[in-house]
Amino acid sequence: MEMAASRAYGDELPDPCLDRIRERVFQLSRLYFAPRKLSLFRQRVESRLAQLGFADCCSYLDHLERTPGEYLTLLDLLTINETFFFRNPDQFTHLRQVVLPELELARGRELMRSWGGSGEGGQGIMKLRILCAGCSTGEEPYSVAMTLLEGLRYPKAWDIEVVAGDISKSCLKSAREGFYEIERLHNIPPHLIGKYFTATAGGAFVGEELRSLVRVIPLNLNDLMGGELPAGIGTGWGEFDLVFCRNVMIYFSPACQQLLVETLSRLLAPGGHLFTGDAEPLHLFDHDLVAVPKAGCLVYRKVENIEHASSL
């Protein structure tokens, strides 16, 4: 494993302990720091050394090995958790104007067909499951939840679950708290702020209607790519109607990007949609997804006639 990580990185850092830290970060998270990003990696690690009062990387490495939770803290420093509400607005427009009406039509027909059967009727047909992988501080999943509530004709007829996951402890804490300063609310239409948020000094809290739809969980994509379920998740993982994984793939090596695409495809239900970041087209990878050409943004759909067999 260590040799594979070193080969993935290529050039070695001059400090063997710093390079060992980089390898361990790669092993635990698949985060890939290419040669052009090595100076950034060094700066972030050295800032953590200064915070803890360690004299060198070897002392810090020893601390890391003895304190597993420190890796999560380091990962917080190594990733740039830049996000905002309704980021990539064309994707939310496509979700509301195209994807949701298609879902309503398809599920409505399926529900009507179920009424003529003798089984469980419509149980589970009106369930809508969304995964936000790399949810950062929560703006993305709450934006998705608002879009669903505003875009579905009868949102109360649906059993909606937005699973929001991230590896960052601090991001998960912010997402659960659901408080956003005034300047972080500027992309939300004022009427939606009044409808779904509770104003307070300096900002607003996410209201209960949105909170009830969003479940925030620790999510390490490295574990997912290795076939492991997220902590605390039993059965029923996968078969997502929508997956948002945006501005996450850029942190991985090309080989890991291929594996991530395969994993995300496996998590999608047949006919489900994958939304990626502006700089994350999938044309270089092998997968069973097709681009949605009229979307005007990066949206992919899982081909429905391919047998869906998820191992997760």
C-alpha atoms as a PDB file:
ATOM      1  CA  MET A   1       0.000   0.000   0.000  1.00  0.00           C
ATOM      2  CA  GLU A   2       2.750   2.438   0.904  1.00  0.00           C
ATOM      3  CA  MET A   3       4.679   1.677  -2.286  1.00  0.00           C
ATOM      4  CA  ALA A   4       1.519   2.198  -4.346  1.00  0.00           C
ATOM      5  CA  ALA A   5       0.999   5.552  -2.687  1.00  0.00           C
ATOM      6  CA  SER A   6       4.582   6.607  -3.387  1.00  0.00           C
ATOM      7  CA  ARG A   7       4.284   5.599  -7.045  1.00  0.00           C
ATOM      8  CA  ALA A   8       1.065   7.570  -7.311  1.00  0.00           C
ATOM      9  CA  TYR A   9       2.797  10.673  -6.089  1.00  0.00           C
ATOM     10  CA  GLY A  10       5.897  10.467  -8.227  1.00  0.00           C
ATOM     11  CA  ASP A  11       8.424  12.974  -6.895  1.00  0.00           C
ATOM     12  CA  GLU A  12       9.478  12.464  -3.312  1.00  0.00           C
ATOM     13  CA  LEU A  13       9.479  15.210  -0.738  1.00  0.00           C
ATOM     14  CA  PRO A  14      12.972  15.938   0.645  1.00  0.00           C
ATOM     15  CA  ASP A  15      11.755  15.395   4.225  1.00  0.00           C
ATOM     16  CA  PRO A  16      11.086  11.653   4.652  1.00  0.00           C
ATOM     17  CA  CYS A  17       8.748  12.235   7.598  1.00  0.00           C
ATOM     18  CA  LEU A  18       6.734  14.753   5.617  1.00  0.00           C
ATOM     19  CA  ASP A  19       6.557  12.290   2.754  1.00  0.00           C
ATOM     20  CA  ARG A  20       5.396   9.589   5.160  1.00  0.00           C
ATOM     21  CA  ILE A  21       2.609  11.913   6.343  1.00  0.00           C
ATOM     22  CA  ARG A  22       1.581  12.434   2.747  1.00  0.00           C
ATOM     23  CA  GLU A  23       1.487   8.691   2.130  1.00  0.00           C
ATOM     24  CA  ARG A  24      -0.670   8.129   5.198  1.00  0.00           C
ATOM     25  CA  VAL A  25      -3.066  10.866   4.121  1.00  0.00           C
ATOM     26  CA  PHE A  26      -3.307   9.166   0.732  1.00  0.00           C
ATOM     27  CA  GLN A  27      -3.937   5.757   2.289  1.00  0.00           C
ATOM     28  CA  LEU A  28      -6.695   7.059   4.544  1.00  0.00           C
ATOM     29  CA  SER A  29      -8.476   9.419   2.171  1.00  0.00           C
ATOM     30  CA  ARG A  30      -7.049   9.041  -1.371  1.00  0.00           C
ATOM     31  CA  LEU A  31      -6.281  12.763  -1.313  1.00  0.00           C
ATOM     32  CA  TYR A  32      -3.605  13.256  -3.951  1.00  0.00           C
ATOM     33  CA  PHE A  33      -1.097  16.102  -3.802  1.00  0.00           C
ATOM     34  CA  ALA A  34       0.563  16.293  -7.194  1.00  0.00           C
ATOM     35  CA  PRO A  35       4.059  17.811  -7.481  1.00  0.00           C
ATOM     36  CA  ARG A  36       2.614  21.248  -8.200  1.00  0.00           C
ATOM     37  CA  LYS A  37       0.719  21.084  -4.907  1.00  0.00           C
ATOM     38  CA  LEU A  38       3.562  19.898  -2.703  1.00  0.00           C
ATOM     39  CA  SER A  39       4.331  23.384  -1.422  1.00  0.00           C
ATOM     40  CA  LEU A  40       0.697  23.768  -0.359  1.00  0.00           C
ATOM     41  CA  PHE A  41       0.846  20.421   1.402  1.00  0.00           C
ATOM     42  CA  ARG A  42       3.999  21.445   3.254  1.00  0.00           C
ATOM     43  CA  GLN A  43       2.497  24.785   4.291  1.00  0.00           C
ATOM     44  CA  ARG A  44      -0.651  23.180   5.681  1.00  0.00           C
ATOM     45  CA  VAL A  45       1.291  20.554   7.632  1.00  0.00           C
ATOM     46  CA  GLU A  46       3.733  23.116   9.001  1.00  0.00           C
ATOM     47  CA  SER A  47       0.849  25.325  10.147  1.00  0.00           C
ATOM     48  CA  ARG A  48      -0.472  22.377  12.149  1.00  0.00           C
ATOM     49  CA  LEU A  49       2.991  21.787  13.613  1.00  0.00           C
ATOM     50  CA  ALA A  50       3.046  25.387  14.780  1.00  0.00           C
ATOM     51  CA  GLN A  51      -0.407  25.063  16.352  1.00  0.00           C
ATOM     52  CA  LEU A  52       0.653  22.016  18.348  1.00  0.00           C
ATOM     53  CA  GLY A  53       4.186  23.213  19.131  1.00  0.00           C
ATOM     54  CA  PHE A  54       6.076  20.405  17.394  1.00  0.00           C
ATOM     55  CA  ALA A  55       9.611  21.173  16.272  1.00  0.00           C
ATOM     56  CA  ASP A  56       9.674  19.002  13.146  1.00  0.00           C
ATOM     57  CA  CYS A  57       7.642  16.659  10.951  1.00  0.00           C
ATOM     58  CA  CYS A  58       9.054  13.538  12.575  1.00  0.00           C
ATOM     59  CA  SER A  59       7.680  14.585  15.969  1.00  0.00           C
ATOM     60  CA  TYR A  60       4.335  15.338  14.379  1.00  0.00           C
ATOM     61  CA  LEU A  61       4.342  12.013  12.519  1.00  0.00           C
ATOM     62  CA  ASP A  62       4.829  10.214  15.824  1.00  0.00           C
ATOM     63  CA  HIS A  63       1.896  12.168  17.234  1.00  0.00           C
ATOM     64  CA  LEU A  64      -0.237  11.234  14.229  1.00  0.00           C
ATOM     65  CA  GLU A  65       0.491   7.541  14.612  1.00  0.00           C
ATOM     66  CA  ARG A  66      -0.350   7.641  18.311  1.00  0.00           C
ATOM     67  CA  THR A  67      -3.449   9.841  17.872  1.00  0.00           C
ATOM     68  CA  PRO A  68      -5.608   8.519  14.994  1.00  0.00           C
ATOM     69  CA  GLY A  69      -8.130  11.340  15.358  1.00  0.00           C
ATOM     70  CA  GLU A  70      -5.428  13.836  14.427  1.00  0.00           C
ATOM     71  CA  TYR A  71      -5.587  12.671  10.821  1.00  0.00           C
ATOM     72  CA  LEU A  72      -9.136  13.993  10.562  1.00  0.00           C
ATOM     73  CA  THR A  73      -7.985  17.345  11.906  1.00  0.00           C
ATOM     74  CA  LEU A  74      -5.169  17.414   9.375  1.00  0.00           C
ATOM     75  CA  LEU A  75      -7.578  16.564   6.564  1.00  0.00           C
ATOM     76  CA  ASP A  76      -9.614  19.622   7.541  1.00  0.00           C
ATOM     77  CA  LEU A  77      -6.546  21.764   6.927  1.00  0.00           C
ATOM     78  CA  LEU A  78      -5.612  20.050   3.665  1.00  0.00           C
ATOM     79  CA  THR A  79      -8.947  20.427   1.889  1.00  0.00           C
ATOM     80  CA  ILE A  80     -10.450  23.686   0.677  1.00  0.00           C
ATOM     81  CA  ASN A  81     -14.066  23.636   1.793  1.00  0.00           C
ATOM     82  CA  GLU A  82     -15.267  26.365  -0.522  1.00  0.00           C
ATOM     83  CA  THR A  83     -18.995  26.214  -1.107  1.00  0.00           C
ATOM     84  CA  PHE A  84     -22.085  28.394  -1.243  1.00  0.00           C
ATOM     85  CA  PHE A  85     -25.830  28.088  -1.695  1.00  0.00           C
ATOM     86  CA  PHE A  86     -27.037  27.137  -5.176  1.00  0.00           C
ATOM     87  CA  ARG A  87     -23.510  26.810  -6.503  1.00  0.00           C
ATOM     88  CA  ASN A  88     -23.580  25.913 -10.228  1.00  0.00           C
ATOM     89  CA  PRO A  89     -27.078  27.391 -10.626  1.00  0.00           C
ATOM     90  CA  ASP A  90     -27.627  25.787 -14.049  1.00  0.00           C
ATOM     91  CA  GLN A  91     -27.616  22.387 -12.356  1.00  0.00           C
ATOM     92  CA  PHE A  92     -30.348  23.431  -9.937  1.00  0.00           C
ATOM     93  CA  THR A  93     -32.349  24.865 -12.829  1.00  0.00           C
ATOM     94  CA  HIS A  94     -32.065  21.556 -14.686  1.00  0.00           C
ATOM     95  CA  LEU A  95     -33.002  19.652 -11.537  1.00  0.00           C
ATOM     96  CA  ARG A  96     -36.117  21.724 -11.028  1.00  0.00           C
ATOM     97  CA  GLN A  97     -37.268  22.156 -14.612  1.00  0.00           C
ATOM     98  CA  VAL A  98     -36.374  18.768 -16.111  1.00  0.00           C
ATOM     99  CA  VAL A  99     -35.365  16.071 -13.618  1.00  0.00           C
ATOM    100  CA  LEU A 100     -38.139  16.570 -11.065  1.00  0.00           C
ATOM    101  CA  PRO A 101     -40.996  16.692 -13.628  1.00  0.00           C
ATOM    102  CA  GLU A 102     -39.640  13.501 -15.224  1.00  0.00           C
ATOM    103  CA  LEU A 103     -39.487  11.823 -11.816  1.00  0.00           C
ATOM    104  CA  GLU A 104     -43.013  12.908 -10.969  1.00  0.00           C
ATOM    105  CA  LEU A 105     -44.339  11.542 -14.245  1.00  0.00           C
ATOM    106  CA  ALA A 106     -42.464   8.220 -13.979  1.00  0.00           C
ATOM    107  CA  ARG A 107     -43.334   7.612 -10.333  1.00  0.00           C
ATOM    108  CA  GLY A 108     -46.942   8.654 -10.897  1.00  0.00           C
ATOM    109  CA  ARG A 109     -47.308   6.058 -13.635  1.00  0.00           C
ATOM    110  CA  GLU A 110     -45.593   3.444 -11.485  1.00  0.00           C
ATOM    111  CA  LEU A 111     -47.903   4.249  -8.590  1.00  0.00           C
ATOM    112  CA  MET A 112     -50.992   3.898 -10.776  1.00  0.00           C
ATOM    113  CA  ARG A 113     -49.785   0.527 -12.054  1.00  0.00           C
ATOM    114  CA  SER A 114     -49.241  -0.639  -8.480  1.00  0.00           C
ATOM    115  CA  TRP A 115     -52.870   0.005  -7.605  1.00  0.00           C
ATOM    116  CA  GLY A 116     -53.904  -2.769  -9.952  1.00  0.00           C
ATOM    117  CA  GLY A 117     -51.602  -5.324  -8.352  1.00  0.00           C
ATOM    118  CA  SER A 118     -51.983  -7.476  -5.283  1.00  0.00           C
ATOM    119  CA  GLY A 119     -48.624  -6.773  -3.618  1.00  0.00           C
ATOM    120  CA  GLU A 120     -47.553  -3.924  -1.372  1.00  0.00           C
ATOM    121  CA  GLY A 121     -49.210  -1.304  -3.534  1.00  0.00           C
ATOM    122  CA  GLY A 122     -47.295   1.954  -3.750  1.00  0.00           C
ATOM    123  CA  GLN A 123     -45.006   1.345  -0.799  1.00  0.00           C
ATOM    124  CA  GLY A 124     -41.576   2.797  -1.562  1.00  0.00           C
ATOM    125  CA  ILE A 125     -42.533   4.197  -4.966  1.00  0.00           C
ATOM    126  CA  MET A 126     -42.696   7.786  -3.739  1.00  0.00           C
ATOM    127  CA  LYS A 127     -39.378   7.601  -1.902  1.00  0.00           C
ATOM    128  CA  LEU A 128     -36.774  10.049  -3.201  1.00  0.00           C
ATOM    129  CA  ARG A 129     -33.171   9.511  -2.096  1.00  0.00           C
ATOM    130  CA  ILE A 130     -30.336  11.942  -2.740  1.00  0.00           C
ATOM    131  CA  LEU A 131     -26.656  11.719  -1.809  1.00  0.00           C
ATOM    132  CA  CYS A 132     -24.475  14.807  -1.437  1.00  0.00           C
ATOM    133  CA  ALA A 133     -20.945  13.374  -1.266  1.00  0.00           C
ATOM    134  CA  GLY A 134     -18.493  15.972  -0.008  1.00  0.00           C
ATOM    135  CA  CYS A 135     -21.247  18.180   1.403  1.00  0.00           C
ATOM    136  CA  SER A 136     -18.798  20.571   3.109  1.00  0.00           C
ATOM    137  CA  THR A 137     -20.628  22.957   5.485  1.00  0.00           C
ATOM    138  CA  GLY A 138     -24.100  22.053   4.273  1.00  0.00           C
ATOM    139  CA  GLU A 139     -24.990  24.673   1.688  1.00  0.00           C
ATOM    140  CA  GLU A 140     -25.309  22.066  -1.070  1.00  0.00           C
ATOM    141  CA  PRO A 141     -27.716  19.622   0.632  1.00  0.00           C
ATOM    142  CA  TYR A 142     -29.882  22.445   1.953  1.00  0.00           C
ATOM    143  CA  SER A 143     -29.964  23.943  -1.557  1.00  0.00           C
ATOM    144  CA  VAL A 144     -31.046  20.554  -2.895  1.00  0.00           C
ATOM    145  CA  ALA A 145     -33.741  20.275  -0.225  1.00  0.00           C
ATOM    146  CA  MET A 146     -35.110  23.732  -1.068  1.00  0.00           C
ATOM    147  CA  THR A 147     -35.152  22.854  -4.765  1.00  0.00           C
ATOM    148  CA  LEU A 148     -37.136  19.690  -4.052  1.00  0.00           C
ATOM    149  CA  LEU A 149     -39.672  21.473  -1.878  1.00  0.00           C
ATOM    150  CA  GLU A 150     -40.087  24.250  -4.419  1.00  0.00           C
ATOM    151  CA  GLY A 151     -39.923  22.100  -7.550  1.00  0.00           C
ATOM    152  CA  LEU A 152     -42.131  19.133  -6.689  1.00  0.00           C
ATOM    153  CA  ARG A 153     -45.830  19.799  -7.212  1.00  0.00           C
ATOM    154  CA  TYR A 154     -46.806  17.811  -4.122  1.00  0.00           C
ATOM    155  CA  PRO A 155     -43.654  17.544  -1.955  1.00  0.00           C
ATOM    156  CA  LYS A 156     -45.581  16.189   1.025  1.00  0.00           C
ATOM    157  CA  ALA A 157     -46.531  13.160  -1.076  1.00  0.00           C
ATOM    158  CA  TRP A 158     -42.876  12.154  -1.221  1.00  0.00           C
ATOM    159  CA  ASP A 159     -40.671  10.430   1.322  1.00  0.00           C
ATOM    160  CA  ILE A 160     -37.542  12.542   0.830  1.00  0.00           C
ATOM    161  CA  GLU A 161     -34.101  11.811   2.274  1.00  0.00           C
ATOM    162  CA  VAL A 162     -31.030  13.901   1.475  1.00  0.00           C
ATOM    163  CA  VAL A 163     -27.922  12.140   2.824  1.00  0.00           C
ATOM    164  CA  ALA A 164     -25.139  14.693   3.287  1.00  0.00           C
ATOM    165  CA  GLY A 165     -21.661  13.293   3.947  1.00  0.00           C
ATOM    166  CA  ASP A 166     -18.169  14.659   4.375  1.00  0.00           C
ATOM    167  CA  ILE A 167     -14.878  13.560   5.877  1.00  0.00           C
ATOM    168  CA  SER A 168     -14.336  16.882   7.666  1.00  0.00           C
ATOM    169  CA  LYS A 169     -15.434  16.974  11.307  1.00  0.00           C
ATOM    170  CA  SER A 170     -15.633  20.751  11.350  1.00  0.00           C
ATOM    171  CA  CYS A 171     -17.725  20.817   8.175  1.00  0.00           C
ATOM    172  CA  LEU A 172     -20.134  18.242   9.542  1.00  0.00           C
ATOM    173  CA  LYS A 173     -20.497  20.268  12.734  1.00  0.00           C
ATOM    174  CA  SER A 174     -21.362  23.385  10.726  1.00  0.00           C
ATOM    175  CA  ALA A 175     -23.807  21.487   8.528  1.00  0.00           C
ATOM    176  CA  ARG A 176     -25.600  20.077  11.576  1.00  0.00           C
ATOM    177  CA  GLU A 177     -25.750  23.453  13.286  1.00  0.00           C
ATOM    178  CA  GLY A 178     -27.194  24.985  10.141  1.00  0.00           C
ATOM    179  CA  PHE A 179     -26.239  28.571  10.968  1.00  0.00           C
ATOM    180  CA  TYR A 180     -25.067  30.814   8.142  1.00  0.00           C
ATOM    181  CA  GLU A 181     -23.836  34.387   8.386  1.00  0.00           C
ATOM    182  CA  ILE A 182     -25.596  37.056   6.350  1.00  0.00           C
ATOM    183  CA  GLU A 183     -22.911  37.163   3.654  1.00  0.00           C
ATOM    184  CA  ARG A 184     -23.274  33.404   3.092  1.00  0.00           C
ATOM    185  CA  LEU A 185     -26.986  33.759   2.350  1.00  0.00           C
ATOM    186  CA  HIS A 186     -26.657  36.143  -0.590  1.00  0.00           C
ATOM    187  CA  ASN A 187     -27.301  33.486  -3.292  1.00  0.00           C
ATOM    188  CA  ILE A 188     -30.643  32.490  -1.773  1.00  0.00           C
ATOM    189  CA  PRO A 189     -33.715  34.337  -3.079  1.00  0.00           C
ATOM    190  CA  PRO A 190     -35.109  36.483  -0.239  1.00  0.00           C
ATOM    191  CA  HIS A 191     -38.501  34.741  -0.256  1.00  0.00           C
ATOM    192  CA  LEU A 192     -36.790  31.378   0.323  1.00  0.00           C
ATOM    193  CA  ILE A 193     -34.834  32.776   3.253  1.00  0.00           C
ATOM    194  CA  GLY A 194     -38.071  33.938   4.808  1.00  0.00           C
ATOM    195  CA  LYS A 195     -39.702  30.595   4.116  1.00  0.00           C
ATOM    196  CA  TYR A 196     -37.002  28.137   5.155  1.00  0.00           C
ATOM    197  CA  PHE A 197     -34.726  30.003   7.592  1.00  0.00           C
ATOM    198  CA  THR A 198     -35.035  31.590  11.008  1.00  0.00           C
ATOM    199  CA  ALA A 199     -33.317  34.956  11.184  1.00  0.00           C
ATOM    200  CA  THR A 200     -31.072  35.740  14.122  1.00  0.00           C
ATOM    201  CA  ALA A 201     -28.290  38.174  14.977  1.00  0.00           C
ATOM    202  CA  GLY A 202     -25.720  38.142  12.193  1.00  0.00           C
ATOM    203  CA  GLY A 203     -27.365  35.476  10.046  1.00  0.00           C
ATOM    204  CA  ALA A 204     -29.992  32.752   9.999  1.00  0.00           C
ATOM    205  CA  PHE A 205     -30.557  29.155  11.043  1.00  0.00           C
ATOM    206  CA  VAL A 206     -31.920  26.486   8.722  1.00  0.00           C
ATOM    207  CA  GLY A 207     -35.552  25.841   9.602  1.00  0.00           C
ATOM    208  CA  GLU A 208     -37.026  22.545  10.694  1.00  0.00           C
ATOM    209  CA  GLU A 209     -38.667  21.836   7.331  1.00  0.00           C
ATOM    210  CA  LEU A 210     -35.256  21.635   5.647  1.00  0.00           C
ATOM    211  CA  ARG A 211     -33.568  19.929   8.583  1.00  0.00           C
ATOM    212  CA  SER A 212     -36.144  17.142   8.546  1.00  0.00           C
ATOM    213  CA  LEU A 213     -35.070  16.191   5.015  1.00  0.00           C
ATOM    214  CA  VAL A 214     -31.282  16.265   5.480  1.00  0.00           C
ATOM    215  CA  ARG A 215     -29.284  13.603   7.321  1.00  0.00           C
ATOM    216  CA  VAL A 216     -25.654  14.583   7.949  1.00  0.00           C
ATOM    217  CA  ILE A 217     -23.191  11.694   8.298  1.00  0.00           C
ATOM    218  CA  PRO A 218     -19.409  11.151   8.321  1.00  0.00           C
ATOM    219  CA  LEU A 219     -18.445   9.958   4.849  1.00  0.00           C
ATOM    220  CA  ASN A 220     -14.982   8.923   3.688  1.00  0.00           C
ATOM    221  CA  LEU A 221     -15.027   8.351  -0.060  1.00  0.00           C
ATOM    222  CA  ASN A 222     -11.928   6.217   0.299  1.00  0.00           C
ATOM    223  CA  ASP A 223     -13.981   3.752   2.355  1.00  0.00           C
ATOM    224  CA  LEU A 224     -16.773   3.815  -0.213  1.00  0.00           C
ATOM    225  CA  MET A 225     -14.322   3.100  -3.015  1.00  0.00           C
ATOM    226  CA  GLY A 226     -13.060   0.167  -0.960  1.00  0.00           C
ATOM    227  CA  GLY A 227     -16.573  -1.250  -0.657  1.00  0.00           C
ATOM    228  CA  GLU A 228     -17.185  -0.229   2.960  1.00  0.00           C
ATOM    229  CA  LEU A 229     -20.470   1.211   4.188  1.00  0.00           C
ATOM    230  CA  PRO A 230     -20.449   4.544   6.039  1.00  0.00           C
ATOM    231  CA  ALA A 231     -20.284   4.241   9.816  1.00  0.00           C
ATOM    232  CA  GLY A 232     -23.667   3.526  11.352  1.00  0.00           C
ATOM    233  CA  ILE A 233     -25.275   2.588   8.020  1.00  0.00           C
ATOM    234  CA  GLY A 234     -26.799  -0.855   7.820  1.00  0.00           C
ATOM    235  CA  THR A 235     -28.852  -2.048   4.907  1.00  0.00           C
ATOM    236  CA  GLY A 236     -30.449   0.121   2.261  1.00  0.00           C
ATOM    237  CA  TRP A 237     -27.332   1.975   1.154  1.00  0.00           C
ATOM    238  CA  GLY A 238     -27.297   2.816  -2.512  1.00  0.00           C
ATOM    239  CA  GLU A 239     -30.084   3.120  -5.103  1.00  0.00           C
ATOM    240  CA  PHE A 240     -29.908   6.922  -4.956  1.00  0.00           C
ATOM    241  CA  ASP A 241     -32.080   8.819  -7.406  1.00  0.00           C
ATOM    242  CA  LEU A 242     -29.659  11.758  -7.424  1.00  0.00           C
ATOM    243  CA  VAL A 243     -26.002  11.977  -6.483  1.00  0.00           C
ATOM    244  CA  PHE A 244     -24.155  15.270  -6.116  1.00  0.00           C
ATOM    245  CA  CYS A 245     -20.382  14.888  -6.023  1.00  0.00           C
ATOM    246  CA  ARG A 246     -19.029  18.252  -7.086  1.00  0.00           C
ATOM    247  CA  ASN A 247     -15.531  19.673  -6.807  1.00  0.00           C
ATOM    248  CA  VAL A 248     -14.386  16.542  -4.980  1.00  0.00           C
ATOM    249  CA  MET A 249     -12.842  14.478  -7.757  1.00  0.00           C
ATOM    250  CA  ILE A 250     -10.176  17.136  -8.331  1.00  0.00           C
ATOM    251  CA  TYR A 251      -8.490  16.063  -5.091  1.00  0.00           C
ATOM    252  CA  PHE A 252      -7.828  12.511  -6.345  1.00  0.00           C
ATOM    253  CA  SER A 253      -5.281  10.957  -8.684  1.00  0.00           C
ATOM    254  CA  PRO A 254      -6.540   9.838 -12.135  1.00  0.00           C
ATOM    255  CA  ALA A 255      -6.664   6.183 -11.058  1.00  0.00           C
ATOM    256  CA  CYS A 256      -8.697   7.092  -7.977  1.00  0.00           C
ATOM    257  CA  GLN A 257     -10.950   9.303 -10.072  1.00  0.00           C
ATOM    258  CA  GLN A 258     -11.813   6.303 -12.229  1.00  0.00           C
ATOM    259  CA  LEU A 259     -12.595   4.264  -9.128  1.00  0.00           C
ATOM    260  CA  LEU A 260     -14.711   7.085  -7.714  1.00  0.00           C
ATOM    261  CA  VAL A 261     -16.744   7.347 -10.921  1.00  0.00           C
ATOM    262  CA  GLU A 262     -17.383   3.595 -10.812  1.00  0.00           C
ATOM    263  CA  THR A 263     -18.430   3.854  -7.162  1.00  0.00           C
ATOM    264  CA  LEU A 264     -20.799   6.772  -7.750  1.00  0.00           C
ATOM    265  CA  SER A 265     -22.361   4.967 -10.697  1.00  0.00           C
ATOM    266  CA  ARG A 266     -22.863   1.893  -8.542  1.00  0.00           C
ATOM    267  CA  LEU A 267     -24.661   4.006  -5.929  1.00  0.00           C
ATOM    268  CA  LEU A 268     -27.135   5.356  -8.483  1.00  0.00           C
ATOM    269  CA  ALA A 269     -30.460   3.715  -9.177  1.00  0.00           C
ATOM    270  CA  PRO A 270     -31.097   2.933 -12.846  1.00  0.00           C
ATOM    271  CA  GLY A 271     -32.124   6.177 -14.511  1.00  0.00           C
ATOM    272  CA  GLY A 272     -30.595   8.198 -11.656  1.00  0.00           C
ATOM    273  CA  HIS A 273     -28.656  11.423 -12.187  1.00  0.00           C
ATOM    274  CA  LEU A 274     -25.096  12.361 -11.214  1.00  0.00           C
ATOM    275  CA  PHE A 275     -24.134  16.033 -10.884  1.00  0.00           C
ATOM    276  CA  THR A 276     -20.384  16.787 -11.025  1.00  0.00           C
ATOM    277  CA  GLY A 277     -18.336  19.970 -10.711  1.00  0.00           C
ATOM    278  CA  ASP A 278     -17.614  22.372 -13.569  1.00  0.00           C
ATOM    279  CA  ALA A 279     -14.061  21.030 -13.910  1.00  0.00           C
ATOM    280  CA  GLU A 280     -15.007  17.349 -13.597  1.00  0.00           C
ATOM    281  CA  PRO A 281     -16.255  15.988 -16.934  1.00  0.00           C
ATOM    282  CA  LEU A 282     -16.346  12.202 -17.147  1.00  0.00           C
ATOM    283  CA  HIS A 283     -15.424  11.674 -20.804  1.00  0.00           C
ATOM    284  CA  LEU A 284     -11.973  10.308 -19.898  1.00  0.00           C
ATOM    285  CA  PHE A 285     -13.360   7.534 -17.701  1.00  0.00           C
ATOM    286  CA  ASP A 286     -15.100   4.208 -18.269  1.00  0.00           C
ATOM    287  CA  HIS A 287     -18.631   4.125 -16.848  1.00  0.00           C
ATOM    288  CA  ASP A 288     -22.253   3.309 -17.605  1.00  0.00           C
ATOM    289  CA  LEU A 289     -23.404   6.924 -17.443  1.00  0.00           C
ATOM    290  CA  VAL A 290     -24.484   9.117 -20.337  1.00  0.00           C
ATOM    291  CA  ALA A 291     -24.147  12.886 -20.491  1.00  0.00           C
ATOM    292  CA  VAL A 292     -27.396  14.842 -20.632  1.00  0.00           C
ATOM    293  CA  PRO A 293     -26.621  16.993 -23.699  1.00  0.00           C
ATOM    294  CA  LYS A 294     -29.435  19.545 -23.335  1.00  0.00           C
ATOM    295  CA  ALA A 295     -28.745  20.266 -19.669  1.00  0.00           C
ATOM    296  CA  GLY A 296     -26.241  23.024 -20.408  1.00  0.00           C
ATOM    297  CA  CYS A 297     -24.151  21.829 -17.451  1.00  0.00           C
ATOM    298  CA  LEU A 298     -22.426  18.670 -16.246  1.00  0.00           C
ATOM    299  CA  VAL A 299     -25.206  16.168 -15.561  1.00  0.00           C
ATOM    300  CA  TYR A 300     -25.018  12.441 -16.229  1.00  0.00           C
ATOM    301  CA  ARG A 301     -27.669   9.749 -16.174  1.00  0.00           C
ATOM    302  CA  LYS A 302     -27.360   6.061 -15.439  1.00  0.00           C
ATOM    303  CA  VAL A 303     -28.629   3.993 -18.344  1.00  0.00           C
ATOM    304  CA  GLU A 304     -31.830   2.316 -17.231  1.00  0.00           C
ATOM    305  CA  ASN A 305     -31.527  -0.904 -19.219  1.00  0.00           C
ATOM    306  CA  ILE A 306     -28.253  -1.904 -17.544  1.00  0.00           C
ATOM    307  CA  GLU A 307     -28.831  -4.339 -14.732  1.00  0.00           C
ATOM    308  CA  HIS A 308     -28.108  -2.525 -11.495  1.00  0.00           C
ATOM    309  CA  ALA A 309     -26.184  -4.655  -9.018  1.00  0.00           C
ATOM    310  CA  SER A 310     -24.726  -2.648  -6.169  1.00  0.00           C
ATOM    311  CA  SER A 311     -22.200  -4.284  -3.892  1.00  0.00           C
ATOM    312  CA  LEU A 312     -22.707  -1.613  -1.245  1.00  0.00           C
END
